Amino acid sequence: MFRTKLAAVAAASALVLSLAACGDSSDDTAAPASTMTTGATMTTGAAPSSAAPMMGAQFGAGCAAVPSDPANPGSFDAMAKVPVASAASGNPLLSTLVGAVKFAGLVDSLNNAKDVTVFAPTNDAFGKIAKADLDKVLADPATLKSVLTYHVVPGKLSPSDLAGTHKTLQGGELTVSGSGTSFTVNGNAMVVCGNVQTANATVYLIDTVLMPKS
C-alpha cells in the first residue's frame, strides 16, 4: 500500500514549493511508500580526485546527473536561490526524499532552518533498503522524522570542515571520514555529489540512507 502511495507523492513533489509557501506541509496525511523513482542514473564508478574542490564548487561523479540548464529548478544555479526543501523538490535525484520529507511534516522546518548541512539520500539510496524495513519506517511519521533529522547537521559545513563527528538535529552523532573530494558518512554512505548550495544549506548527496542508533 505504501509503495503505491509513494509513487503519487513523488509525482507531486514539484508542488512542495507551493506547499511550503502556504505552510500546509504538516497537515498532509498522504503517506509515501517504497516505490523508487530514480529519475536519473548516476555513475559513481569513477575514482574521485583527492584534490580539494575550489571554493563553492560542487564535486563528485553524481553531480553529472544534476540538470545543467540554469532555468531548470533542479540545476545548481536554481537550487542556490531557494531554501533546501524547495531546492530538493526540483532535483530529479531526490524525489523519494522529498516525498518522505513532506509526509514527515518537515518541509517548513527545513525551509526555515538557518545555516544547516543536509546529507541527502538519493532515490537509489532509498532503493537499497529492504522493502519490509522501508515500509515500516514510512508507516510511522515519528520514526521517519527521526531518520530524516538524523541527516541534518547545524551549520553550513564546507568540504574542508566536513571530516569529523557532528551532532545532528535528531540528537545523535554521525561521523564523516575522508578529505578533498572523497568522503564517507558513518563508514558506508559515500558522498556522490557534494558542496551543493541552497539559500540556507549546504547539501551532500549520499548513496546510502543513514540510520540513527535506536
C-alpha atoms as a PDB file:
ATOM      1  CA  MET A   1       0.000   0.000   0.000  1.00  0.00           C
ATOM      2  CA  PHE A   2       2.745   2.489   0.937  1.00  0.00           C
ATOM      3  CA  ARG A   3       4.716   1.589  -2.170  1.00  0.00           C
ATOM      4  CA  THR A   4       1.736   2.655  -4.340  1.00  0.00           C
ATOM      5  CA  LYS A   5       1.229   5.888  -2.426  1.00  0.00           C
ATOM      6  CA  LEU A   6       4.866   6.966  -2.657  1.00  0.00           C
ATOM      7  CA  ALA A   7       4.591   6.982  -6.439  1.00  0.00           C
ATOM      8  CA  ALA A   8       1.824   9.571  -6.110  1.00  0.00           C
ATOM      9  CA  VAL A   9       3.828  11.594  -3.593  1.00  0.00           C
ATOM     10  CA  ALA A  10       6.930  11.546  -5.762  1.00  0.00           C
ATOM     11  CA  ALA A  11       4.888  12.599  -8.796  1.00  0.00           C
ATOM     12  CA  ALA A  12       3.568  15.524  -6.811  1.00  0.00           C
ATOM     13  CA  SER A  13       6.915  16.528  -5.344  1.00  0.00           C
ATOM     14  CA  ALA A  14       7.113  19.522  -7.678  1.00  0.00           C
ATOM     15  CA  LEU A  15       4.289  21.000  -5.604  1.00  0.00           C
ATOM     16  CA  VAL A  16       6.418  21.098  -2.443  1.00  0.00           C
ATOM     17  CA  LEU A  17       7.484  24.698  -3.116  1.00  0.00           C
ATOM     18  CA  SER A  18       3.902  25.912  -3.167  1.00  0.00           C
ATOM     19  CA  LEU A  19       3.054  23.774  -0.145  1.00  0.00           C
ATOM     20  CA  ALA A  20       5.920  25.312   1.818  1.00  0.00           C
ATOM     21  CA  ALA A  21       4.779  28.813   0.874  1.00  0.00           C
ATOM     22  CA  CYS A  22       1.319  28.053   2.189  1.00  0.00           C
ATOM     23  CA  GLY A  23       2.690  26.496   5.405  1.00  0.00           C
ATOM     24  CA  ASP A  24       0.490  23.459   4.818  1.00  0.00           C
ATOM     25  CA  SER A  25       3.046  20.668   4.736  1.00  0.00           C
ATOM     26  CA  SER A  26       2.452  19.430   8.269  1.00  0.00           C
ATOM     27  CA  ASP A  27      -1.244  18.831   7.586  1.00  0.00           C
ATOM     28  CA  ASP A  28      -0.743  16.424   4.686  1.00  0.00           C
ATOM     29  CA  THR A  29      -1.645  12.912   5.743  1.00  0.00           C
ATOM     30  CA  ALA A  30      -0.888  11.081   2.492  1.00  0.00           C
ATOM     31  CA  ALA A  31       1.810   8.556   3.350  1.00  0.00           C
ATOM     32  CA  PRO A  32       4.683   7.864   0.935  1.00  0.00           C
ATOM     33  CA  ALA A  33       5.599   4.338   0.035  1.00  0.00           C
ATOM     34  CA  SER A  34       8.637   2.485  -1.103  1.00  0.00           C
ATOM     35  CA  THR A  35       8.431   2.711  -4.911  1.00  0.00           C
ATOM     36  CA  MET A  36      11.746   4.126  -6.012  1.00  0.00           C
ATOM     37  CA  THR A  37      11.608   6.536  -8.953  1.00  0.00           C
ATOM     38  CA  THR A  38      15.251   7.163  -9.719  1.00  0.00           C
ATOM     39  CA  GLY A  39      14.609   9.951 -12.218  1.00  0.00           C
ATOM     40  CA  ALA A  40      18.230   9.860 -13.411  1.00  0.00           C
ATOM     41  CA  THR A  41      21.017   7.326 -13.434  1.00  0.00           C
ATOM     42  CA  MET A  42      24.163   8.275 -11.569  1.00  0.00           C
ATOM     43  CA  THR A  43      27.602   6.996 -12.423  1.00  0.00           C
ATOM     44  CA  THR A  44      29.648   6.543  -9.277  1.00  0.00           C
ATOM     45  CA  GLY A  45      32.377   4.240 -10.524  1.00  0.00           C
ATOM     46  CA  ALA A  46      34.872   6.966 -11.357  1.00  0.00           C
ATOM     47  CA  ALA A  47      37.596   7.395  -8.769  1.00  0.00           C
ATOM     48  CA  PRO A  48      37.221  10.762  -7.049  1.00  0.00           C
ATOM     49  CA  SER A  49      40.031  13.275  -7.091  1.00  0.00           C
ATOM     50  CA  SER A  50      41.959  13.735  -3.874  1.00  0.00           C
ATOM     51  CA  ALA A  51      42.370  17.453  -4.527  1.00  0.00           C
ATOM     52  CA  ALA A  52      40.225  19.815  -2.512  1.00  0.00           C
ATOM     53  CA  PRO A  53      37.412  21.437  -4.526  1.00  0.00           C
ATOM     54  CA  MET A  54      37.527  25.124  -5.320  1.00  0.00           C
ATOM     55  CA  MET A  55      35.538  27.447  -3.077  1.00  0.00           C
ATOM     56  CA  GLY A  56      31.840  26.959  -3.820  1.00  0.00           C
ATOM     57  CA  ALA A  57      32.495  24.242  -6.417  1.00  0.00           C
ATOM     58  CA  GLN A  58      30.452  21.038  -6.454  1.00  0.00           C
ATOM     59  CA  PHE A  59      32.285  17.725  -6.690  1.00  0.00           C
ATOM     60  CA  GLY A  60      31.544  14.054  -7.229  1.00  0.00           C
ATOM     61  CA  ALA A  61      30.596  11.764 -10.112  1.00  0.00           C
ATOM     62  CA  GLY A  62      26.914  12.026  -9.183  1.00  0.00           C
ATOM     63  CA  CYS A  63      26.890  15.740  -9.998  1.00  0.00           C
ATOM     64  CA  ALA A  64      26.819  14.818 -13.697  1.00  0.00           C
ATOM     65  CA  ALA A  65      23.169  13.747 -13.270  1.00  0.00           C
ATOM     66  CA  VAL A  66      22.107  17.190 -11.999  1.00  0.00           C
ATOM     67  CA  PRO A  67      20.418  19.276 -14.744  1.00  0.00           C
ATOM     68  CA  SER A  68      22.843  21.749 -16.296  1.00  0.00           C
ATOM     69  CA  ASP A  69      20.296  24.245 -17.652  1.00  0.00           C
ATOM     70  CA  PRO A  70      20.198  27.169 -15.161  1.00  0.00           C
ATOM     71  CA  ALA A  71      16.478  27.561 -15.875  1.00  0.00           C
ATOM     72  CA  ASN A  72      15.804  24.013 -14.652  1.00  0.00           C
ATOM     73  CA  PRO A  73      14.620  24.057 -10.993  1.00  0.00           C
ATOM     74  CA  GLY A  74      16.940  21.133 -10.268  1.00  0.00           C
ATOM     75  CA  SER A  75      20.102  22.847 -11.520  1.00  0.00           C
ATOM     76  CA  PHE A  76      22.809  24.086  -9.174  1.00  0.00           C
ATOM     77  CA  ASP A  77      22.035  27.710 -10.060  1.00  0.00           C
ATOM     78  CA  ALA A  78      18.322  27.330  -9.348  1.00  0.00           C
ATOM     79  CA  MET A  79      18.839  25.401  -6.107  1.00  0.00           C
ATOM     80  CA  ALA A  80      21.155  28.105  -4.769  1.00  0.00           C
ATOM     81  CA  LYS A  81      18.306  30.623  -4.868  1.00  0.00           C
ATOM     82  CA  VAL A  82      15.728  28.770  -2.747  1.00  0.00           C
ATOM     83  CA  PRO A  83      15.724  27.037   0.678  1.00  0.00           C
ATOM     84  CA  VAL A  84      16.726  23.423   0.933  1.00  0.00           C
ATOM     85  CA  ALA A  85      13.374  21.560   0.880  1.00  0.00           C
ATOM     86  CA  SER A  86      12.220  23.610  -2.085  1.00  0.00           C
ATOM     87  CA  ALA A  87      15.571  23.078  -3.801  1.00  0.00           C
ATOM     88  CA  ALA A  88      15.281  19.320  -3.361  1.00  0.00           C
ATOM     89  CA  SER A  89      11.799  19.328  -4.902  1.00  0.00           C
ATOM     90  CA  GLY A  90      13.278  20.349  -8.244  1.00  0.00           C
ATOM     91  CA  ASN A  91      16.112  17.818  -8.236  1.00  0.00           C
ATOM     92  CA  PRO A  92      15.308  14.552 -10.091  1.00  0.00           C
ATOM     93  CA  LEU A  93      17.731  12.595  -7.880  1.00  0.00           C
ATOM     94  CA  LEU A  94      15.815  13.417  -4.684  1.00  0.00           C
ATOM     95  CA  SER A  95      12.127  12.787  -5.440  1.00  0.00           C
ATOM     96  CA  THR A  96      11.854   9.945  -2.907  1.00  0.00           C
ATOM     97  CA  LEU A  97      13.468  12.077  -0.198  1.00  0.00           C
ATOM     98  CA  VAL A  98      11.089  14.942  -0.997  1.00  0.00           C
ATOM     99  CA  GLY A  99       8.085  12.638  -0.577  1.00  0.00           C
ATOM    100  CA  ALA A 100       9.402  11.421   2.782  1.00  0.00           C
ATOM    101  CA  VAL A 101      10.087  14.983   3.991  1.00  0.00           C
ATOM    102  CA  LYS A 102       6.565  16.001   3.017  1.00  0.00           C
ATOM    103  CA  PHE A 103       4.970  13.058   4.834  1.00  0.00           C
ATOM    104  CA  ALA A 104       7.047  13.726   7.964  1.00  0.00           C
ATOM    105  CA  GLY A 105       5.882  17.353   8.036  1.00  0.00           C
ATOM    106  CA  LEU A 106       9.407  18.753   7.737  1.00  0.00           C
ATOM    107  CA  VAL A 107       9.085  20.994   4.668  1.00  0.00           C
ATOM    108  CA  ASP A 108       8.598  24.219   6.605  1.00  0.00           C
ATOM    109  CA  SER A 109      11.147  23.273   9.282  1.00  0.00           C
ATOM    110  CA  LEU A 110      13.861  22.656   6.703  1.00  0.00           C
ATOM    111  CA  ASN A 111      12.984  25.676   4.597  1.00  0.00           C
ATOM    112  CA  ASN A 112      13.049  27.951   7.650  1.00  0.00           C
ATOM    113  CA  ALA A 113      16.211  26.495   9.198  1.00  0.00           C
ATOM    114  CA  LYS A 114      19.202  28.817   9.279  1.00  0.00           C
ATOM    115  CA  ASP A 115      22.549  27.528   8.059  1.00  0.00           C
ATOM    116  CA  VAL A 116      22.386  23.730   8.091  1.00  0.00           C
ATOM    117  CA  THR A 117      24.169  20.888   6.328  1.00  0.00           C
ATOM    118  CA  VAL A 118      21.984  18.185   4.806  1.00  0.00           C
ATOM    119  CA  PHE A 119      23.199  14.725   3.846  1.00  0.00           C
ATOM    120  CA  ALA A 120      20.574  13.949   1.223  1.00  0.00           C
ATOM    121  CA  PRO A 121      19.995  10.293   0.249  1.00  0.00           C
ATOM    122  CA  THR A 122      19.336   9.859  -3.451  1.00  0.00           C
ATOM    123  CA  ASN A 123      16.494   7.771  -4.853  1.00  0.00           C
ATOM    124  CA  ASP A 124      18.978   4.925  -5.350  1.00  0.00           C
ATOM    125  CA  ALA A 125      19.934   5.156  -1.666  1.00  0.00           C
ATOM    126  CA  PHE A 126      16.334   4.502  -0.620  1.00  0.00           C
ATOM    127  CA  GLY A 127      16.236   1.672  -3.150  1.00  0.00           C
ATOM    128  CA  LYS A 128      18.920  -0.195  -1.175  1.00  0.00           C
ATOM    129  CA  ILE A 129      16.632  -0.608   1.849  1.00  0.00           C
ATOM    130  CA  ALA A 130      14.696  -3.862   2.123  1.00  0.00           C
ATOM    131  CA  LYS A 131      11.016  -3.302   1.343  1.00  0.00           C
ATOM    132  CA  ALA A 132       9.796  -4.543   4.722  1.00  0.00           C
ATOM    133  CA  ASP A 133      12.180  -2.276   6.598  1.00  0.00           C
ATOM    134  CA  LEU A 134      11.378   0.744   4.461  1.00  0.00           C
ATOM    135  CA  ASP A 135       7.623   0.216   4.703  1.00  0.00           C
ATOM    136  CA  LYS A 136       7.926   0.049   8.491  1.00  0.00           C
ATOM    137  CA  VAL A 137       9.700   3.402   8.629  1.00  0.00           C
ATOM    138  CA  LEU A 138       7.381   5.041   6.121  1.00  0.00           C
ATOM    139  CA  ALA A 139       4.329   3.869   8.058  1.00  0.00           C
ATOM    140  CA  ASP A 140       5.361   5.825  11.151  1.00  0.00           C
ATOM    141  CA  PRO A 141       5.770   9.615  10.743  1.00  0.00           C
ATOM    142  CA  ALA A 142       7.562   9.928  14.103  1.00  0.00           C
ATOM    143  CA  THR A 143      10.166   7.315  13.158  1.00  0.00           C
ATOM    144  CA  LEU A 144      10.527   8.819   9.696  1.00  0.00           C
ATOM    145  CA  LYS A 145      11.077  12.265  11.221  1.00  0.00           C
ATOM    146  CA  SER A 146      13.802  10.837  13.456  1.00  0.00           C
ATOM    147  CA  VAL A 147      15.557   9.235  10.488  1.00  0.00           C
ATOM    148  CA  LEU A 148      15.346  12.366   8.341  1.00  0.00           C
ATOM    149  CA  THR A 149      16.536  14.793  11.025  1.00  0.00           C
ATOM    150  CA  TYR A 150      19.496  12.467  11.607  1.00  0.00           C
ATOM    151  CA  HIS A 151      20.636  13.604   8.145  1.00  0.00           C
ATOM    152  CA  VAL A 152      20.757  17.292   9.153  1.00  0.00           C
ATOM    153  CA  VAL A 153      23.640  18.989  10.977  1.00  0.00           C
ATOM    154  CA  PRO A 154      23.647  22.580  12.292  1.00  0.00           C
ATOM    155  CA  GLY A 155      25.944  24.938  10.395  1.00  0.00           C
ATOM    156  CA  LYS A 156      26.955  25.019   6.746  1.00  0.00           C
ATOM    157  CA  LEU A 157      29.941  22.663   6.513  1.00  0.00           C
ATOM    158  CA  SER A 158      32.394  23.267   3.698  1.00  0.00           C
ATOM    159  CA  PRO A 159      34.395  20.302   2.364  1.00  0.00           C
ATOM    160  CA  SER A 160      37.370  21.386   4.483  1.00  0.00           C
ATOM    161  CA  ASP A 161      35.179  21.232   7.621  1.00  0.00           C
ATOM    162  CA  LEU A 162      33.361  18.022   6.743  1.00  0.00           C
ATOM    163  CA  ALA A 163      35.593  15.329   8.262  1.00  0.00           C
ATOM    164  CA  GLY A 164      34.858  14.635  11.914  1.00  0.00           C
ATOM    165  CA  THR A 165      31.974  13.844  14.241  1.00  0.00           C
ATOM    166  CA  HIS A 166      28.900  16.054  14.094  1.00  0.00           C
ATOM    167  CA  LYS A 167      25.784  16.212  16.261  1.00  0.00           C
ATOM    168  CA  THR A 168      22.575  16.044  14.214  1.00  0.00           C
ATOM    169  CA  LEU A 169      19.202  17.697  14.684  1.00  0.00           C
ATOM    170  CA  GLN A 170      17.907  14.268  15.695  1.00  0.00           C
ATOM    171  CA  GLY A 171      20.287  14.337  18.667  1.00  0.00           C
ATOM    172  CA  GLY A 172      22.601  11.543  17.627  1.00  0.00           C
ATOM    173  CA  GLU A 173      26.016  11.867  16.052  1.00  0.00           C
ATOM    174  CA  LEU A 174      27.331  10.971  12.627  1.00  0.00           C
ATOM    175  CA  THR A 175      30.945  10.674  11.550  1.00  0.00           C
ATOM    176  CA  VAL A 176      32.392  11.819   8.246  1.00  0.00           C
ATOM    177  CA  SER A 177      35.710  10.412   7.036  1.00  0.00           C
ATOM    178  CA  GLY A 178      37.847  11.467   4.100  1.00  0.00           C
ATOM    179  CA  SER A 179      39.281  14.590   2.529  1.00  0.00           C
ATOM    180  CA  GLY A 180      39.444  16.523  -0.716  1.00  0.00           C
ATOM    181  CA  THR A 181      36.566  15.215  -2.796  1.00  0.00           C
ATOM    182  CA  SER A 182      36.290  11.729  -1.305  1.00  0.00           C
ATOM    183  CA  PHE A 183      34.088  11.348   1.785  1.00  0.00           C
ATOM    184  CA  THR A 184      32.067   8.649   3.504  1.00  0.00           C
ATOM    185  CA  VAL A 185      29.482   9.083   6.254  1.00  0.00           C
ATOM    186  CA  ASN A 186      29.256   6.537   9.091  1.00  0.00           C
ATOM    187  CA  GLY A 187      31.661   4.310   7.213  1.00  0.00           C
ATOM    188  CA  ASN A 188      29.368   3.227   4.375  1.00  0.00           C
ATOM    189  CA  ALA A 189      27.498   6.151   2.794  1.00  0.00           C
ATOM    190  CA  MET A 190      29.536   7.744   0.020  1.00  0.00           C
ATOM    191  CA  VAL A 191      29.161  11.390  -0.939  1.00  0.00           C
ATOM    192  CA  VAL A 192      28.326  11.209  -4.653  1.00  0.00           C
ATOM    193  CA  CYS A 193      27.758  14.942  -5.208  1.00  0.00           C
ATOM    194  CA  GLY A 194      28.997  17.389  -2.618  1.00  0.00           C
ATOM    195  CA  ASN A 195      29.106  21.067  -1.720  1.00  0.00           C
ATOM    196  CA  VAL A 196      25.727  21.826  -3.327  1.00  0.00           C
ATOM    197  CA  GLN A 197      24.479  25.212  -2.175  1.00  0.00           C
ATOM    198  CA  THR A 198      20.908  26.257  -1.402  1.00  0.00           C
ATOM    199  CA  ALA A 199      19.703  29.518   0.143  1.00  0.00           C
ATOM    200  CA  ASN A 200      20.017  28.143   3.674  1.00  0.00           C
ATOM    201  CA  ALA A 201      22.005  24.910   3.465  1.00  0.00           C
ATOM    202  CA  THR A 202      24.989  23.067   2.088  1.00  0.00           C
ATOM    203  CA  VAL A 203      23.940  19.696   0.693  1.00  0.00           C
ATOM    204  CA  TYR A 204      25.916  16.494   0.227  1.00  0.00           C
ATOM    205  CA  LEU A 205      24.099  13.839  -1.803  1.00  0.00           C
ATOM    206  CA  ILE A 206      24.829  10.358  -0.441  1.00  0.00           C
ATOM    207  CA  ASP A 207      24.276   6.861  -1.828  1.00  0.00           C
ATOM    208  CA  THR A 208      23.015   5.221   1.406  1.00  0.00           C
ATOM    209  CA  VAL A 209      20.319   6.198   3.904  1.00  0.00           C
ATOM    210  CA  LEU A 210      21.756   6.899   7.370  1.00  0.00           C
ATOM    211  CA  MET A 211      20.009   5.165  10.267  1.00  0.00           C
ATOM    212  CA  PRO A 212      20.291   6.580  13.790  1.00  0.00           C
ATOM    213  CA  LYS A 213      21.117   4.261  16.643  1.00  0.00           C
ATOM    214  CA  SER A 214      17.980   3.052  18.406  1.00  0.00           C
END
